[in-house]
Amino acid sequence: MARRFRGESVHKVDSKGRVSIPAPFRRVLEEGDPDWVSGGNPNLVLVYGRRGRNCLEGYSIRAMEEVDDLIAALPRYSREREILERMINTQSMYAQVDENGRMVLPAKLREMIGVTKDATFAGMGDKFQIWEPAAYKADMERIDDWLSDQTDDTDPFALLDRARLGG
């Protein structure tokens, strides 16, 4: 089983948009890049086209191939496939981790999510998210609000059983 992106951390963003990727995330990116060799720099894909998400999503090359396969399984000329291709393929870019464990966040993407001085990295299993820290905190508060609205006996981990059982 492949490693997963786990944990959260805040990293400084310099004036050129360079930001350190958490070391455990770099290991996942290395493992998920079929072209990576020891001593080399792994590649990744940054997706910025998800509507309603105030963050970027980073995928290893292999994880992005899985997403691409799901899109390709849709009928070739369907509207759904075209929409997903536009949101995922058109609004994404390749990036590379440099020899110092950093990547460059282009100005366009930093502006899109409001990142200036710091960026929060949040592991999400097969992907990770990059947030402006206050926006990440607000998103976590929305999750807390949702949990507060549930009955006392609601266990969100029970959703895992539902997923395992297919519904």
N, C-alpha and C. Protein backbone atom coordinates (compact mmCIF):
# COMPACT_ATOMS: atom_id res chain seq x y z
N MET A 1 0.84 -1.18 0.00
CA MET A 1 0.00 0.00 0.00
C MET A 1 0.89 1.25 0.00
N ALA A 2 0.51 2.21 -0.76
CA ALA A 2 1.28 3.45 -0.89
C ALA A 2 1.15 4.31 0.37
N ARG A 3 2.16 5.09 0.60
CA ARG A 3 2.09 6.06 1.69
C ARG A 3 0.98 7.05 1.39
N ARG A 4 0.52 7.72 2.43
CA ARG A 4 -0.56 8.70 2.30
C ARG A 4 -0.09 10.03 2.86
N PHE A 5 -0.71 11.11 2.37
CA PHE A 5 -0.45 12.44 2.92
C PHE A 5 -1.21 12.56 4.23
N ARG A 6 -0.49 12.83 5.33
CA ARG A 6 -1.10 12.93 6.64
C ARG A 6 -0.52 14.12 7.39
N GLY A 7 -1.34 14.73 8.25
CA GLY A 7 -0.89 15.80 9.12
C GLY A 7 -1.13 17.18 8.52
N GLU A 8 -0.77 18.18 9.32
CA GLU A 8 -0.92 19.57 8.89
C GLU A 8 0.26 20.37 9.42
N SER A 9 0.68 21.36 8.67
CA SER A 9 1.77 22.22 9.10
C SER A 9 1.74 23.52 8.32
N VAL A 10 2.32 24.55 8.93
CA VAL A 10 2.37 25.87 8.31
C VAL A 10 3.81 26.15 7.89
N HIS A 11 3.97 26.69 6.68
CA HIS A 11 5.30 26.97 6.13
C HIS A 11 5.35 28.37 5.55
N LYS A 12 6.51 29.00 5.69
CA LYS A 12 6.74 30.35 5.14
C LYS A 12 6.77 30.29 3.62
N VAL A 13 6.23 31.34 3.00
CA VAL A 13 6.28 31.51 1.55
C VAL A 13 7.15 32.74 1.30
N ASP A 14 8.20 32.59 0.49
CA ASP A 14 9.07 33.74 0.25
C ASP A 14 8.52 34.61 -0.88
N SER A 15 9.19 35.70 -1.16
CA SER A 15 8.71 36.68 -2.14
C SER A 15 8.63 36.11 -3.56
N LYS A 16 9.36 35.03 -3.82
CA LYS A 16 9.31 34.38 -5.14
C LYS A 16 8.28 33.27 -5.20
N GLY A 17 7.57 33.06 -4.09
CA GLY A 17 6.54 32.03 -4.06
C GLY A 17 7.07 30.65 -3.68
N ARG A 18 8.32 30.57 -3.24
CA ARG A 18 8.87 29.28 -2.85
C ARG A 18 8.39 28.93 -1.45
N VAL A 19 7.99 27.67 -1.29
CA VAL A 19 7.51 27.18 0.00
C VAL A 19 8.02 25.77 0.20
N SER A 20 8.45 25.47 1.42
CA SER A 20 8.91 24.12 1.75
C SER A 20 7.72 23.18 1.83
N ILE A 21 7.87 22.03 1.23
CA ILE A 21 6.86 20.98 1.33
C ILE A 21 7.22 20.14 2.55
N PRO A 22 6.25 19.81 3.40
CA PRO A 22 6.57 18.98 4.58
C PRO A 22 7.34 17.72 4.16
N ALA A 23 8.38 17.39 4.91
CA ALA A 23 9.23 16.24 4.56
C ALA A 23 8.43 14.95 4.36
N PRO A 24 7.45 14.62 5.23
CA PRO A 24 6.68 13.39 4.97
C PRO A 24 5.91 13.45 3.64
N PHE A 25 5.47 14.63 3.25
CA PHE A 25 4.76 14.77 1.97
C PHE A 25 5.73 14.51 0.82
N ARG A 26 6.97 14.94 0.97
CA ARG A 26 7.98 14.71 -0.08
C ARG A 26 8.20 13.22 -0.29
N ARG A 27 8.18 12.44 0.80
CA ARG A 27 8.35 10.98 0.66
C ARG A 27 7.19 10.39 -0.16
N VAL A 28 5.97 10.86 0.09
CA VAL A 28 4.81 10.37 -0.66
C VAL A 28 4.96 10.76 -2.14
N LEU A 29 5.40 11.98 -2.41
CA LEU A 29 5.59 12.42 -3.79
C LEU A 29 6.66 11.61 -4.49
N GLU A 30 7.74 11.29 -3.79
CA GLU A 30 8.79 10.47 -4.38
C GLU A 30 8.25 9.09 -4.75
N GLU A 31 7.54 8.48 -3.80
CA GLU A 31 6.99 7.15 -4.03
C GLU A 31 5.96 7.16 -5.16
N GLY A 32 5.25 8.28 -5.32
CA GLY A 32 4.19 8.37 -6.31
C GLY A 32 4.62 8.91 -7.66
N ASP A 33 5.93 9.10 -7.86
CA ASP A 33 6.44 9.59 -9.14
C ASP A 33 7.21 8.46 -9.82
N PRO A 34 6.65 7.85 -10.87
CA PRO A 34 7.32 6.72 -11.51
C PRO A 34 8.68 7.08 -12.12
N ASP A 35 8.95 8.36 -12.35
CA ASP A 35 10.22 8.78 -12.93
C ASP A 35 11.26 9.19 -11.88
N TRP A 36 10.85 9.20 -10.60
CA TRP A 36 11.76 9.65 -9.55
C TRP A 36 12.86 8.61 -9.32
N VAL A 37 14.10 9.09 -9.13
CA VAL A 37 15.23 8.25 -8.75
C VAL A 37 15.87 8.88 -7.52
N SER A 38 16.47 8.07 -6.70
CA SER A 38 17.11 8.56 -5.49
C SER A 38 18.06 9.70 -5.82
N GLY A 39 17.94 10.78 -5.06
CA GLY A 39 18.75 11.97 -5.31
C GLY A 39 18.10 12.94 -6.27
N GLY A 40 17.00 12.53 -6.88
CA GLY A 40 16.29 13.39 -7.83
C GLY A 40 15.19 14.19 -7.14
N ASN A 41 14.47 14.94 -7.94
CA ASN A 41 13.39 15.79 -7.44
C ASN A 41 12.06 15.27 -7.97
N PRO A 42 11.13 14.92 -7.07
CA PRO A 42 9.86 14.38 -7.54
C PRO A 42 8.96 15.46 -8.16
N ASN A 43 8.11 15.01 -9.06
CA ASN A 43 7.11 15.85 -9.70
C ASN A 43 5.77 15.65 -9.01
N LEU A 44 4.90 16.63 -9.20
CA LEU A 44 3.55 16.56 -8.66
C LEU A 44 2.63 17.37 -9.55
N VAL A 45 1.35 17.30 -9.28
CA VAL A 45 0.35 18.07 -10.00
C VAL A 45 -0.41 18.93 -8.99
N LEU A 46 -0.53 20.22 -9.28
CA LEU A 46 -1.34 21.14 -8.47
C LEU A 46 -2.63 21.42 -9.21
N VAL A 47 -3.75 21.16 -8.57
CA VAL A 47 -5.08 21.41 -9.15
C VAL A 47 -5.66 22.64 -8.48
N TYR A 48 -6.13 23.58 -9.31
CA TYR A 48 -6.71 24.80 -8.76
C TYR A 48 -8.11 25.06 -9.30
N GLY A 49 -8.72 24.09 -9.94
CA GLY A 49 -10.02 24.30 -10.57
C GLY A 49 -11.23 23.83 -9.80
N ARG A 50 -11.06 23.37 -8.56
CA ARG A 50 -12.22 22.90 -7.81
C ARG A 50 -13.03 24.09 -7.31
N ARG A 51 -14.23 24.22 -7.79
CA ARG A 51 -15.09 25.33 -7.37
C ARG A 51 -15.48 25.18 -5.91
N GLY A 52 -15.60 26.33 -5.24
CA GLY A 52 -16.01 26.33 -3.86
C GLY A 52 -14.92 25.92 -2.89
N ARG A 53 -13.72 25.68 -3.39
CA ARG A 53 -12.59 25.31 -2.54
C ARG A 53 -11.59 26.45 -2.58
N ASN A 54 -11.27 26.98 -1.45
CA ASN A 54 -10.34 28.10 -1.36
C ASN A 54 -8.93 27.60 -1.08
N CYS A 55 -8.56 26.54 -1.80
CA CYS A 55 -7.25 25.93 -1.60
C CYS A 55 -6.77 25.32 -2.90
N LEU A 56 -5.51 24.97 -2.92
CA LEU A 56 -4.93 24.19 -4.01
C LEU A 56 -4.89 22.75 -3.56
N GLU A 57 -4.91 21.82 -4.51
CA GLU A 57 -4.78 20.41 -4.17
C GLU A 57 -3.57 19.85 -4.89
N GLY A 58 -2.72 19.18 -4.14
CA GLY A 58 -1.52 18.58 -4.69
C GLY A 58 -1.66 17.07 -4.76
N TYR A 59 -1.28 16.51 -5.90
CA TYR A 59 -1.37 15.07 -6.13
C TYR A 59 -0.01 14.54 -6.58
N SER A 60 0.32 13.33 -6.15
CA SER A 60 1.47 12.67 -6.74
C SER A 60 1.10 12.33 -8.18
N ILE A 61 2.08 12.01 -8.98
CA ILE A 61 1.82 11.66 -10.38
C ILE A 61 0.91 10.44 -10.46
N ARG A 62 1.17 9.42 -9.65
CA ARG A 62 0.33 8.21 -9.69
C ARG A 62 -1.11 8.50 -9.23
N ALA A 63 -1.27 9.31 -8.18
CA ALA A 63 -2.63 9.64 -7.72
C ALA A 63 -3.38 10.41 -8.79
N MET A 64 -2.68 11.30 -9.51
CA MET A 64 -3.34 12.05 -10.57
C MET A 64 -3.72 11.12 -11.72
N GLU A 65 -2.89 10.12 -11.99
CA GLU A 65 -3.23 9.13 -13.03
C GLU A 65 -4.52 8.39 -12.67
N GLU A 66 -4.73 8.11 -11.37
CA GLU A 66 -5.96 7.47 -10.95
C GLU A 66 -7.17 8.37 -11.22
N VAL A 67 -7.03 9.66 -10.95
CA VAL A 67 -8.11 10.61 -11.24
C VAL A 67 -8.35 10.67 -12.74
N ASP A 68 -7.27 10.73 -13.51
CA ASP A 68 -7.40 10.76 -14.98
C ASP A 68 -8.12 9.51 -15.49
N ASP A 69 -7.82 8.35 -14.90
CA ASP A 69 -8.49 7.11 -15.31
C ASP A 69 -9.99 7.16 -15.02
N LEU A 70 -10.36 7.75 -13.88
CA LEU A 70 -11.78 7.89 -13.55
C LEU A 70 -12.49 8.79 -14.56
N ILE A 71 -11.83 9.87 -14.94
CA ILE A 71 -12.41 10.77 -15.94
C ILE A 71 -12.53 10.05 -17.28
N ALA A 72 -11.49 9.32 -17.67
CA ALA A 72 -11.48 8.62 -18.96
C ALA A 72 -12.54 7.52 -19.02
N ALA A 73 -13.00 7.05 -17.86
CA ALA A 73 -14.03 6.01 -17.84
C ALA A 73 -15.41 6.56 -18.21
N LEU A 74 -15.58 7.87 -18.17
CA LEU A 74 -16.85 8.49 -18.57
C LEU A 74 -16.96 8.47 -20.08
N PRO A 75 -18.19 8.49 -20.61
CA PRO A 75 -18.34 8.51 -22.07
C PRO A 75 -17.56 9.68 -22.69
N ARG A 76 -16.83 9.39 -23.76
CA ARG A 76 -15.89 10.32 -24.36
C ARG A 76 -16.46 11.71 -24.63
N TYR A 77 -17.65 11.81 -25.15
CA TYR A 77 -18.18 13.13 -25.51
C TYR A 77 -19.28 13.61 -24.56
N SER A 78 -19.31 13.04 -23.37
CA SER A 78 -20.34 13.45 -22.42
C SER A 78 -20.00 14.82 -21.83
N ARG A 79 -21.02 15.53 -21.44
CA ARG A 79 -20.83 16.84 -20.81
C ARG A 79 -20.10 16.69 -19.47
N GLU A 80 -20.42 15.63 -18.73
CA GLU A 80 -19.78 15.40 -17.44
C GLU A 80 -18.27 15.23 -17.59
N ARG A 81 -17.88 14.45 -18.60
CA ARG A 81 -16.44 14.25 -18.82
C ARG A 81 -15.78 15.56 -19.23
N GLU A 82 -16.43 16.32 -20.10
CA GLU A 82 -15.86 17.59 -20.53
C GLU A 82 -15.69 18.55 -19.34
N ILE A 83 -16.68 18.59 -18.48
CA ILE A 83 -16.60 19.48 -17.30
C ILE A 83 -15.44 19.06 -16.41
N LEU A 84 -15.32 17.76 -16.12
CA LEU A 84 -14.23 17.29 -15.26
C LEU A 84 -12.87 17.50 -15.91
N GLU A 85 -12.78 17.26 -17.22
CA GLU A 85 -11.51 17.52 -17.91
C GLU A 85 -11.13 18.99 -17.79
N ARG A 86 -12.11 19.86 -17.94
CA ARG A 86 -11.83 21.30 -17.84
C ARG A 86 -11.40 21.67 -16.43
N MET A 87 -12.13 21.14 -15.42
CA MET A 87 -11.83 21.51 -14.03
C MET A 87 -10.53 20.89 -13.53
N ILE A 88 -10.20 19.70 -14.01
CA ILE A 88 -9.02 19.00 -13.51
C ILE A 88 -7.82 19.21 -14.43
N ASN A 89 -7.97 18.97 -15.71
CA ASN A 89 -6.81 19.02 -16.61
C ASN A 89 -6.45 20.44 -17.03
N THR A 90 -7.45 21.24 -17.36
CA THR A 90 -7.16 22.60 -17.81
C THR A 90 -6.71 23.47 -16.64
N GLN A 91 -7.28 23.24 -15.48
CA GLN A 91 -6.96 24.07 -14.31
C GLN A 91 -6.08 23.32 -13.33
N SER A 92 -4.96 22.87 -13.87
CA SER A 92 -3.93 22.23 -13.06
C SER A 92 -2.59 22.47 -13.74
N MET A 93 -1.54 22.17 -13.00
CA MET A 93 -0.20 22.37 -13.56
C MET A 93 0.76 21.39 -12.91
N TYR A 94 1.80 21.05 -13.66
CA TYR A 94 2.87 20.25 -13.09
C TYR A 94 3.77 21.16 -12.26
N ALA A 95 4.34 20.60 -11.21
CA ALA A 95 5.31 21.30 -10.38
C ALA A 95 6.39 20.29 -10.02
N GLN A 96 7.51 20.79 -9.55
CA GLN A 96 8.59 19.91 -9.14
C GLN A 96 9.15 20.38 -7.81
N VAL A 97 9.49 19.43 -6.98
CA VAL A 97 10.16 19.73 -5.73
C VAL A 97 11.62 20.02 -6.06
N ASP A 98 12.16 21.12 -5.52
CA ASP A 98 13.57 21.44 -5.82
C ASP A 98 14.50 20.72 -4.85
N GLU A 99 15.79 20.91 -5.03
CA GLU A 99 16.80 20.21 -4.21
C GLU A 99 16.73 20.59 -2.73
N ASN A 100 16.04 21.68 -2.40
CA ASN A 100 15.86 22.10 -1.01
C ASN A 100 14.51 21.69 -0.42
N GLY A 101 13.75 20.88 -1.15
CA GLY A 101 12.45 20.42 -0.66
C GLY A 101 11.34 21.44 -0.80
N ARG A 102 11.55 22.41 -1.70
CA ARG A 102 10.54 23.46 -1.90
C ARG A 102 9.91 23.31 -3.29
N MET A 103 8.80 23.98 -3.44
CA MET A 103 8.20 24.15 -4.76
C MET A 103 7.82 25.62 -4.89
N VAL A 104 7.59 26.03 -6.12
CA VAL A 104 7.18 27.41 -6.39
C VAL A 104 5.67 27.43 -6.58
N LEU A 105 5.01 28.31 -5.82
CA LEU A 105 3.59 28.59 -6.02
C LEU A 105 3.53 29.84 -6.88
N PRO A 106 3.09 29.74 -8.14
CA PRO A 106 3.02 30.92 -8.99
C PRO A 106 2.12 32.00 -8.38
N ALA A 107 2.42 33.25 -8.71
CA ALA A 107 1.66 34.39 -8.17
C ALA A 107 0.17 34.22 -8.41
N LYS A 108 -0.22 33.76 -9.59
CA LYS A 108 -1.64 33.57 -9.92
C LYS A 108 -2.31 32.65 -8.91
N LEU A 109 -1.64 31.57 -8.55
CA LEU A 109 -2.24 30.61 -7.61
C LEU A 109 -2.22 31.15 -6.18
N ARG A 110 -1.15 31.85 -5.81
CA ARG A 110 -1.12 32.46 -4.47
C ARG A 110 -2.24 33.46 -4.32
N GLU A 111 -2.45 34.29 -5.34
CA GLU A 111 -3.54 35.27 -5.30
C GLU A 111 -4.89 34.59 -5.24
N MET A 112 -5.05 33.50 -5.98
CA MET A 112 -6.31 32.77 -6.03
C MET A 112 -6.76 32.30 -4.66
N ILE A 113 -5.80 31.88 -3.82
CA ILE A 113 -6.17 31.35 -2.50
C ILE A 113 -5.79 32.30 -1.37
N GLY A 114 -5.24 33.45 -1.69
CA GLY A 114 -4.95 34.47 -0.68
C GLY A 114 -3.69 34.23 0.14
N VAL A 115 -2.78 33.42 -0.38
CA VAL A 115 -1.54 33.14 0.35
C VAL A 115 -0.55 34.28 0.13
N THR A 116 -0.01 34.81 1.22
CA THR A 116 1.00 35.86 1.13
C THR A 116 2.28 35.43 1.84
N LYS A 117 2.24 35.31 3.16
CA LYS A 117 3.45 35.01 3.94
C LYS A 117 3.56 33.54 4.35
N ASP A 118 2.43 32.92 4.63
CA ASP A 118 2.42 31.54 5.12
C ASP A 118 1.42 30.71 4.34
N ALA A 119 1.65 29.40 4.33
CA ALA A 119 0.73 28.46 3.70
C ALA A 119 0.56 27.26 4.62
N THR A 120 -0.67 26.82 4.80
CA THR A 120 -0.96 25.63 5.58
C THR A 120 -1.08 24.44 4.64
N PHE A 121 -0.33 23.39 4.93
CA PHE A 121 -0.41 22.14 4.19
C PHE A 121 -1.25 21.18 5.02
N ALA A 122 -2.24 20.56 4.40
CA ALA A 122 -3.13 19.62 5.09
C ALA A 122 -3.16 18.31 4.32
N GLY A 123 -2.72 17.23 4.97
CA GLY A 123 -2.74 15.92 4.34
C GLY A 123 -4.16 15.40 4.23
N MET A 124 -4.47 14.86 3.06
CA MET A 124 -5.82 14.38 2.80
C MET A 124 -5.80 12.96 2.21
N GLY A 125 -4.82 12.16 2.61
CA GLY A 125 -4.74 10.80 2.10
C GLY A 125 -4.04 10.74 0.76
N ASP A 126 -4.81 10.67 -0.33
CA ASP A 126 -4.19 10.55 -1.65
C ASP A 126 -3.86 11.91 -2.27
N LYS A 127 -4.13 12.99 -1.55
CA LYS A 127 -3.80 14.33 -2.01
C LYS A 127 -3.50 15.18 -0.78
N PHE A 128 -2.99 16.38 -1.01
CA PHE A 128 -2.84 17.34 0.08
C PHE A 128 -3.41 18.67 -0.38
N GLN A 129 -3.75 19.50 0.57
CA GLN A 129 -4.28 20.82 0.26
C GLN A 129 -3.32 21.88 0.76
N ILE A 130 -3.33 23.03 0.06
CA ILE A 130 -2.54 24.19 0.47
C ILE A 130 -3.54 25.33 0.67
N TRP A 131 -3.53 25.90 1.87
CA TRP A 131 -4.48 26.93 2.27
C TRP A 131 -3.76 28.16 2.78
N GLU A 132 -4.43 29.28 2.72
CA GLU A 132 -4.04 30.45 3.50
C GLU A 132 -4.45 30.07 4.93
N PRO A 133 -3.57 30.27 5.93
CA PRO A 133 -3.85 29.75 7.28
C PRO A 133 -5.19 30.14 7.88
N ALA A 134 -5.62 31.39 7.75
CA ALA A 134 -6.91 31.80 8.33
C ALA A 134 -8.07 31.11 7.62
N ALA A 135 -7.95 30.91 6.31
CA ALA A 135 -9.00 30.22 5.55
C ALA A 135 -9.08 28.76 5.97
N TYR A 136 -7.93 28.15 6.22
CA TYR A 136 -7.91 26.76 6.69
C TYR A 136 -8.60 26.66 8.05
N LYS A 137 -8.26 27.59 8.93
CA LYS A 137 -8.89 27.60 10.27
C LYS A 137 -10.40 27.74 10.14
N ALA A 138 -10.86 28.63 9.26
CA ALA A 138 -12.30 28.82 9.06
C ALA A 138 -12.95 27.54 8.51
N ASP A 139 -12.26 26.86 7.62
CA ASP A 139 -12.80 25.62 7.06
C ASP A 139 -12.89 24.55 8.16
N MET A 140 -11.89 24.48 9.02
CA MET A 140 -11.94 23.53 10.14
C MET A 140 -13.08 23.89 11.09
N GLU A 141 -13.35 25.17 11.28
CA GLU A 141 -14.48 25.58 12.13
C GLU A 141 -15.80 25.16 11.51
N ARG A 142 -15.91 25.18 10.18
CA ARG A 142 -17.14 24.71 9.52
C ARG A 142 -17.34 23.21 9.78
N ILE A 143 -16.25 22.47 9.80
CA ILE A 143 -16.35 21.04 10.12
C ILE A 143 -16.82 20.88 11.58
N ASP A 144 -16.24 21.67 12.48
CA ASP A 144 -16.66 21.62 13.88
C ASP A 144 -18.13 21.98 14.02
N ASP A 145 -18.59 23.00 13.26
CA ASP A 145 -20.00 23.38 13.30
C ASP A 145 -20.89 22.23 12.84
N TRP A 146 -20.48 21.55 11.76
CA TRP A 146 -21.25 20.41 11.26
C TRP A 146 -21.32 19.33 12.33
N LEU A 147 -20.20 19.04 12.96
CA LEU A 147 -20.19 18.02 14.00
C LEU A 147 -21.10 18.43 15.17
N SER A 148 -21.10 19.71 15.51
CA SER A 148 -21.95 20.21 16.60
C SER A 148 -23.43 20.07 16.28
N ASP A 149 -23.77 20.13 14.99
CA ASP A 149 -25.17 20.02 14.58
C ASP A 149 -25.67 18.58 14.58
N GLN A 150 -24.77 17.61 14.74
CA GLN A 150 -25.16 16.21 14.73
C GLN A 150 -25.67 15.81 16.11
N THR A 151 -26.41 14.72 16.16
CA THR A 151 -26.87 14.23 17.46
C THR A 151 -25.68 13.72 18.25
N ASP A 152 -25.86 13.62 19.56
CA ASP A 152 -24.76 13.20 20.43
C ASP A 152 -24.22 11.82 20.09
N ASP A 153 -25.08 10.96 19.54
CA ASP A 153 -24.61 9.61 19.24
C ASP A 153 -24.07 9.46 17.82
N THR A 154 -23.97 10.57 17.09
CA THR A 154 -23.42 10.52 15.74
C THR A 154 -21.90 10.37 15.83
N ASP A 155 -21.40 9.34 15.21
CA ASP A 155 -19.96 9.10 15.15
C ASP A 155 -19.54 9.23 13.69
N PRO A 156 -18.80 10.29 13.33
CA PRO A 156 -18.42 10.47 11.93
C PRO A 156 -17.58 9.30 11.40
N PHE A 157 -16.91 8.56 12.29
CA PHE A 157 -16.13 7.42 11.83
C PHE A 157 -17.02 6.28 11.34
N ALA A 158 -18.31 6.31 11.70
CA ALA A 158 -19.25 5.31 11.19
C ALA A 158 -19.42 5.44 9.67
N LEU A 159 -19.10 6.60 9.14
CA LEU A 159 -19.14 6.78 7.68
C LEU A 159 -18.19 5.81 6.98
N LEU A 160 -17.14 5.43 7.66
CA LEU A 160 -16.17 4.49 7.07
C LEU A 160 -16.82 3.14 6.81
N ASP A 161 -17.66 2.68 7.72
CA ASP A 161 -18.38 1.43 7.49
C ASP A 161 -19.31 1.54 6.30
N ARG A 162 -19.97 2.67 6.22
CA ARG A 162 -20.89 2.91 5.10
C ARG A 162 -20.13 2.88 3.78
N ALA A 163 -18.96 3.48 3.73
CA ALA A 163 -18.15 3.49 2.51
C ALA A 163 -17.71 2.07 2.17
N ARG A 164 -17.32 1.30 3.17
CA ARG A 164 -16.87 -0.08 2.95
C ARG A 164 -18.00 -0.94 2.40
N LEU A 165 -19.21 -0.66 2.85
CA LEU A 165 -20.37 -1.45 2.44
C LEU A 165 -20.99 -0.93 1.14
N GLY A 166 -20.42 0.14 0.60
CA GLY A 166 -20.90 0.66 -0.69
C GLY A 166 -22.11 1.57 -0.60
N GLY A 167 -22.31 2.25 0.47
CA GLY A 167 -23.45 3.14 0.49
C GLY A 167 -23.55 3.88 1.72
